[in-house]
Amino acid sequence: MQTNNSMKHILVLTLVLGLVAGCGMKEEPAVAENTPGDSFLAENAKKEGVKTTASGLQYLVMKSGTGATPKLSDGVKVHYHGTLINGTVFDSSVERGEPISFPVSGVIAGWTEALQLMKVGDKWKLFIPAKLAYGDQSPSPKIPANSPLIFEVELLGIEK
């Protein structure tokens, strides 16, 4: 009977250790499905002239300026035209006929990064992944959650 009790203890100990070890295990995160935005950005990155930063921001220099580059603490004056990847315009200072001024630090991450790479006089086309835009938030009915955004941005000036 001693052997039977020993076997039971070993079996119980094995089960308990297995449960304790299992409690500390983390579930693997689900792999996100490839979205139309992911496919668009992957194909866009292959296009001639498109540069991709470490964060995933993509840009195409349409016109090169020669002015200064804004810092995070600066304000800027820009003209821009924003669309979804399907071409739907959601906002445009160009269409309103009036440039806009704002702090470099006061906009979505993709803009903040791009503006600190641009020079006054530059006009760039930005391809901003959702994670550098609004992520899983929808800031307006015109911009669905998890949308990559495309902007043509012309840096008109730096405002201190």
C-alpha atoms as a PDB file:
ATOM      1  CA  MET A   1       0.000   0.000   0.000  1.00  0.00           C
ATOM      2  CA  GLN A   2       2.952   2.282   0.603  1.00  0.00           C
ATOM      3  CA  THR A   3       3.737   2.176  -3.128  1.00  0.00           C
ATOM      4  CA  ASN A   4       0.166   3.072  -4.009  1.00  0.00           C
ATOM      5  CA  ASN A   5       0.275   6.114  -1.686  1.00  0.00           C
ATOM      6  CA  SER A   6       3.627   7.183  -3.122  1.00  0.00           C
ATOM      7  CA  MET A   7       2.232   6.934  -6.628  1.00  0.00           C
ATOM      8  CA  LYS A   8      -0.807   9.012  -5.627  1.00  0.00           C
ATOM      9  CA  HIS A   9       1.462  11.698  -4.124  1.00  0.00           C
ATOM     10  CA  ILE A  10       3.576  11.801  -7.256  1.00  0.00           C
ATOM     11  CA  LEU A  11       0.476  12.009  -9.450  1.00  0.00           C
ATOM     12  CA  VAL A  12      -1.054  14.798  -7.304  1.00  0.00           C
ATOM     13  CA  LEU A  13       2.264  16.659  -7.190  1.00  0.00           C
ATOM     14  CA  THR A  14       2.608  16.405 -10.965  1.00  0.00           C
ATOM     15  CA  LEU A  15      -0.922  17.727 -11.488  1.00  0.00           C
ATOM     16  CA  VAL A  16      -0.406  20.596  -9.021  1.00  0.00           C
ATOM     17  CA  LEU A  17       2.926  21.585 -10.570  1.00  0.00           C
ATOM     18  CA  GLY A  18       1.359  21.445 -14.019  1.00  0.00           C
ATOM     19  CA  LEU A  19      -1.483  23.710 -12.910  1.00  0.00           C
ATOM     20  CA  VAL A  20       0.861  26.151 -11.186  1.00  0.00           C
ATOM     21  CA  ALA A  21       3.145  26.280 -14.207  1.00  0.00           C
ATOM     22  CA  GLY A  22       0.135  26.724 -16.471  1.00  0.00           C
ATOM     23  CA  CYS A  23      -1.142  29.678 -14.429  1.00  0.00           C
ATOM     24  CA  GLY A  24       1.931  31.673 -15.313  1.00  0.00           C
ATOM     25  CA  MET A  25       1.663  30.979 -19.014  1.00  0.00           C
ATOM     26  CA  LYS A  26       0.565  33.812 -21.211  1.00  0.00           C
ATOM     27  CA  GLU A  27      -1.680  33.246 -24.142  1.00  0.00           C
ATOM     28  CA  GLU A  28      -0.034  34.021 -27.445  1.00  0.00           C
ATOM     29  CA  PRO A  29      -1.435  37.226 -28.946  1.00  0.00           C
ATOM     30  CA  ALA A  30      -3.665  36.664 -31.911  1.00  0.00           C
ATOM     31  CA  VAL A  31      -2.003  37.442 -35.195  1.00  0.00           C
ATOM     32  CA  ALA A  32      -3.857  40.298 -36.836  1.00  0.00           C
ATOM     33  CA  GLU A  33      -5.297  39.559 -40.203  1.00  0.00           C
ATOM     34  CA  ASN A  34      -3.834  41.420 -43.124  1.00  0.00           C
ATOM     35  CA  THR A  35      -6.074  44.460 -43.637  1.00  0.00           C
ATOM     36  CA  PRO A  36      -6.573  46.391 -46.886  1.00  0.00           C
ATOM     37  CA  GLY A  37      -4.520  49.178 -45.273  1.00  0.00           C
ATOM     38  CA  ASP A  38      -1.630  46.795 -44.548  1.00  0.00           C
ATOM     39  CA  SER A  39      -1.695  45.530 -48.137  1.00  0.00           C
ATOM     40  CA  PHE A  40      -1.812  49.072 -49.493  1.00  0.00           C
ATOM     41  CA  LEU A  41       1.188  50.179 -47.419  1.00  0.00           C
ATOM     42  CA  ALA A  42       3.190  47.047 -48.285  1.00  0.00           C
ATOM     43  CA  GLU A  43       2.664  47.649 -52.022  1.00  0.00           C
ATOM     44  CA  ASN A  44       3.202  51.399 -51.692  1.00  0.00           C
ATOM     45  CA  ALA A  45       6.586  50.860 -50.009  1.00  0.00           C
ATOM     46  CA  LYS A  46       7.812  49.193 -53.220  1.00  0.00           C
ATOM     47  CA  LYS A  47       7.042  52.232 -55.390  1.00  0.00           C
ATOM     48  CA  GLU A  48       9.857  54.321 -56.784  1.00  0.00           C
ATOM     49  CA  GLY A  49      10.763  57.276 -54.578  1.00  0.00           C
ATOM     50  CA  VAL A  50       8.745  56.160 -51.539  1.00  0.00           C
ATOM     51  CA  LYS A  51      10.837  56.163 -48.378  1.00  0.00           C
ATOM     52  CA  THR A  52       9.876  54.343 -45.191  1.00  0.00           C
ATOM     53  CA  THR A  53      11.051  55.392 -41.736  1.00  0.00           C
ATOM     54  CA  ALA A  54      11.709  53.020 -38.830  1.00  0.00           C
ATOM     55  CA  SER A  55       8.240  53.765 -37.430  1.00  0.00           C
ATOM     56  CA  GLY A  56       6.541  52.723 -40.679  1.00  0.00           C
ATOM     57  CA  LEU A  57       5.766  56.239 -41.913  1.00  0.00           C
ATOM     58  CA  GLN A  58       6.089  56.408 -45.696  1.00  0.00           C
ATOM     59  CA  TYR A  59       6.695  59.562 -47.702  1.00  0.00           C
ATOM     60  CA  LEU A  60       7.337  60.700 -51.235  1.00  0.00           C
ATOM     61  CA  VAL A  61       9.108  64.016 -51.859  1.00  0.00           C
ATOM     62  CA  MET A  62       7.061  65.890 -54.454  1.00  0.00           C
ATOM     63  CA  LYS A  63       8.983  69.180 -54.233  1.00  0.00           C
ATOM     64  CA  SER A  64      12.162  69.985 -52.297  1.00  0.00           C
ATOM     65  CA  GLY A  65      12.465  73.123 -50.242  1.00  0.00           C
ATOM     66  CA  THR A  66      15.595  74.777 -48.921  1.00  0.00           C
ATOM     67  CA  GLY A  67      14.357  76.365 -45.703  1.00  0.00           C
ATOM     68  CA  ALA A  68      14.788  75.417 -42.072  1.00  0.00           C
ATOM     69  CA  THR A  69      13.472  72.236 -40.465  1.00  0.00           C
ATOM     70  CA  PRO A  70      10.944  72.636 -37.633  1.00  0.00           C
ATOM     71  CA  LYS A  71      11.606  71.299 -34.146  1.00  0.00           C
ATOM     72  CA  LEU A  72       9.085  69.592 -31.886  1.00  0.00           C
ATOM     73  CA  SER A  73       8.705  72.857 -29.941  1.00  0.00           C
ATOM     74  CA  ASP A  74       7.898  74.924 -33.079  1.00  0.00           C
ATOM     75  CA  GLY A  75       4.644  75.787 -34.731  1.00  0.00           C
ATOM     76  CA  VAL A  76       4.203  75.405 -38.473  1.00  0.00           C
ATOM     77  CA  LYS A  77       2.060  76.812 -41.260  1.00  0.00           C
ATOM     78  CA  VAL A  78       1.032  74.236 -43.860  1.00  0.00           C
ATOM     79  CA  HIS A  79      -1.279  73.497 -46.724  1.00  0.00           C
ATOM     80  CA  TYR A  80      -2.547  69.911 -46.799  1.00  0.00           C
ATOM     81  CA  HIS A  81      -4.962  67.587 -48.533  1.00  0.00           C
ATOM     82  CA  GLY A  82      -6.018  64.432 -46.651  1.00  0.00           C
ATOM     83  CA  THR A  83      -7.543  61.278 -48.125  1.00  0.00           C
ATOM     84  CA  LEU A  84      -8.271  57.694 -47.203  1.00  0.00           C
ATOM     85  CA  ILE A  85      -6.511  54.988 -49.235  1.00  0.00           C
ATOM     86  CA  ASN A  86      -9.617  54.740 -51.460  1.00  0.00           C
ATOM     87  CA  GLY A  87      -9.214  58.405 -52.448  1.00  0.00           C
ATOM     88  CA  THR A  88     -12.042  59.807 -50.304  1.00  0.00           C
ATOM     89  CA  VAL A  89     -11.133  63.322 -49.180  1.00  0.00           C
ATOM     90  CA  PHE A  90     -11.750  63.836 -45.463  1.00  0.00           C
ATOM     91  CA  ASP A  91     -10.096  67.247 -44.963  1.00  0.00           C
ATOM     92  CA  SER A  92      -8.221  69.755 -47.066  1.00  0.00           C
ATOM     93  CA  SER A  93      -6.860  73.226 -46.347  1.00  0.00           C
ATOM     94  CA  VAL A  94      -6.166  73.388 -50.092  1.00  0.00           C
ATOM     95  CA  GLU A  95      -9.891  73.004 -50.881  1.00  0.00           C
ATOM     96  CA  ARG A  96     -10.728  75.614 -48.225  1.00  0.00           C
ATOM     97  CA  GLY A  97      -8.136  77.932 -49.803  1.00  0.00           C
ATOM     98  CA  GLU A  98      -6.579  78.719 -46.440  1.00  0.00           C
ATOM     99  CA  PRO A  99      -3.393  77.272 -44.906  1.00  0.00           C
ATOM    100  CA  ILE A 100      -3.459  76.246 -41.257  1.00  0.00           C
ATOM    101  CA  SER A 101      -1.062  76.796 -38.359  1.00  0.00           C
ATOM    102  CA  PHE A 102      -0.541  74.435 -35.431  1.00  0.00           C
ATOM    103  CA  PRO A 103       2.200  73.177 -33.073  1.00  0.00           C
ATOM    104  CA  VAL A 104       4.361  70.327 -34.414  1.00  0.00           C
ATOM    105  CA  SER A 105       3.647  68.446 -31.186  1.00  0.00           C
ATOM    106  CA  GLY A 106      -0.111  68.942 -31.487  1.00  0.00           C
ATOM    107  CA  VAL A 107      -0.928  66.579 -34.345  1.00  0.00           C
ATOM    108  CA  ILE A 108      -0.978  62.837 -35.037  1.00  0.00           C
ATOM    109  CA  ALA A 109       2.333  61.001 -34.637  1.00  0.00           C
ATOM    110  CA  GLY A 110       2.831  60.544 -38.398  1.00  0.00           C
ATOM    111  CA  TRP A 111       2.620  64.292 -38.973  1.00  0.00           C
ATOM    112  CA  THR A 112       4.863  65.090 -36.007  1.00  0.00           C
ATOM    113  CA  GLU A 113       7.529  62.745 -37.363  1.00  0.00           C
ATOM    114  CA  ALA A 114       7.273  63.975 -40.953  1.00  0.00           C
ATOM    115  CA  LEU A 115       7.308  67.678 -40.097  1.00  0.00           C
ATOM    116  CA  GLN A 116      10.602  67.263 -38.220  1.00  0.00           C
ATOM    117  CA  LEU A 117      12.145  65.775 -41.385  1.00  0.00           C
ATOM    118  CA  MET A 118      10.823  68.408 -43.791  1.00  0.00           C
ATOM    119  CA  LYS A 119      12.288  71.766 -44.785  1.00  0.00           C
ATOM    120  CA  VAL A 120      10.283  74.921 -45.409  1.00  0.00           C
ATOM    121  CA  GLY A 121       9.253  74.784 -49.076  1.00  0.00           C
ATOM    122  CA  ASP A 122       9.004  70.965 -49.135  1.00  0.00           C
ATOM    123  CA  LYS A 123       5.876  69.317 -50.454  1.00  0.00           C
ATOM    124  CA  TRP A 124       5.588  65.653 -49.476  1.00  0.00           C
ATOM    125  CA  LYS A 125       3.000  62.954 -49.863  1.00  0.00           C
ATOM    126  CA  LEU A 126       2.660  61.143 -46.534  1.00  0.00           C
ATOM    127  CA  PHE A 127       1.355  57.596 -46.213  1.00  0.00           C
ATOM    128  CA  ILE A 128       0.569  57.238 -42.518  1.00  0.00           C
ATOM    129  CA  PRO A 129      -0.128  53.796 -41.012  1.00  0.00           C
ATOM    130  CA  ALA A 130      -3.158  53.687 -38.702  1.00  0.00           C
ATOM    131  CA  LYS A 131      -0.915  53.248 -35.649  1.00  0.00           C
ATOM    132  CA  LEU A 132       0.682  56.650 -36.421  1.00  0.00           C
ATOM    133  CA  ALA A 133      -2.709  58.242 -37.154  1.00  0.00           C
ATOM    134  CA  TYR A 134      -5.745  57.544 -34.970  1.00  0.00           C
ATOM    135  CA  GLY A 135      -5.271  53.803 -34.379  1.00  0.00           C
ATOM    136  CA  ASP A 136      -8.434  52.034 -33.333  1.00  0.00           C
ATOM    137  CA  GLN A 137     -10.218  55.338 -32.708  1.00  0.00           C
ATOM    138  CA  SER A 138     -12.475  57.066 -35.223  1.00  0.00           C
ATOM    139  CA  PRO A 139     -11.968  60.829 -34.859  1.00  0.00           C
ATOM    140  CA  SER A 140     -14.905  61.586 -37.171  1.00  0.00           C
ATOM    141  CA  PRO A 141     -17.451  59.780 -39.336  1.00  0.00           C
ATOM    142  CA  LYS A 142     -15.193  60.524 -42.322  1.00  0.00           C
ATOM    143  CA  ILE A 143     -12.251  58.538 -40.891  1.00  0.00           C
ATOM    144  CA  PRO A 144     -12.980  54.945 -39.845  1.00  0.00           C
ATOM    145  CA  ALA A 145     -10.978  53.338 -37.034  1.00  0.00           C
ATOM    146  CA  ASN A 146      -7.715  51.651 -38.106  1.00  0.00           C
ATOM    147  CA  SER A 147      -7.433  53.729 -41.276  1.00  0.00           C
ATOM    148  CA  PRO A 148      -4.100  54.532 -42.863  1.00  0.00           C
ATOM    149  CA  LEU A 149      -4.181  58.126 -44.083  1.00  0.00           C
ATOM    150  CA  ILE A 150      -2.647  59.889 -47.064  1.00  0.00           C
ATOM    151  CA  PHE A 151      -1.743  63.565 -46.954  1.00  0.00           C
ATOM    152  CA  GLU A 152      -0.103  65.940 -49.377  1.00  0.00           C
ATOM    153  CA  VAL A 153       1.638  68.401 -47.085  1.00  0.00           C
ATOM    154  CA  GLU A 154       3.397  71.594 -48.108  1.00  0.00           C
ATOM    155  CA  LEU A 155       5.442  73.206 -45.328  1.00  0.00           C
ATOM    156  CA  LEU A 156       4.974  76.948 -45.810  1.00  0.00           C
ATOM    157  CA  GLY A 157       6.728  78.247 -42.720  1.00  0.00           C
ATOM    158  CA  ILE A 158       7.912  77.810 -39.142  1.00  0.00           C
ATOM    159  CA  GLU A 159       6.293  79.829 -36.390  1.00  0.00           C
ATOM    160  CA  LYS A 160       8.252  80.257 -33.159  1.00  0.00           C
END
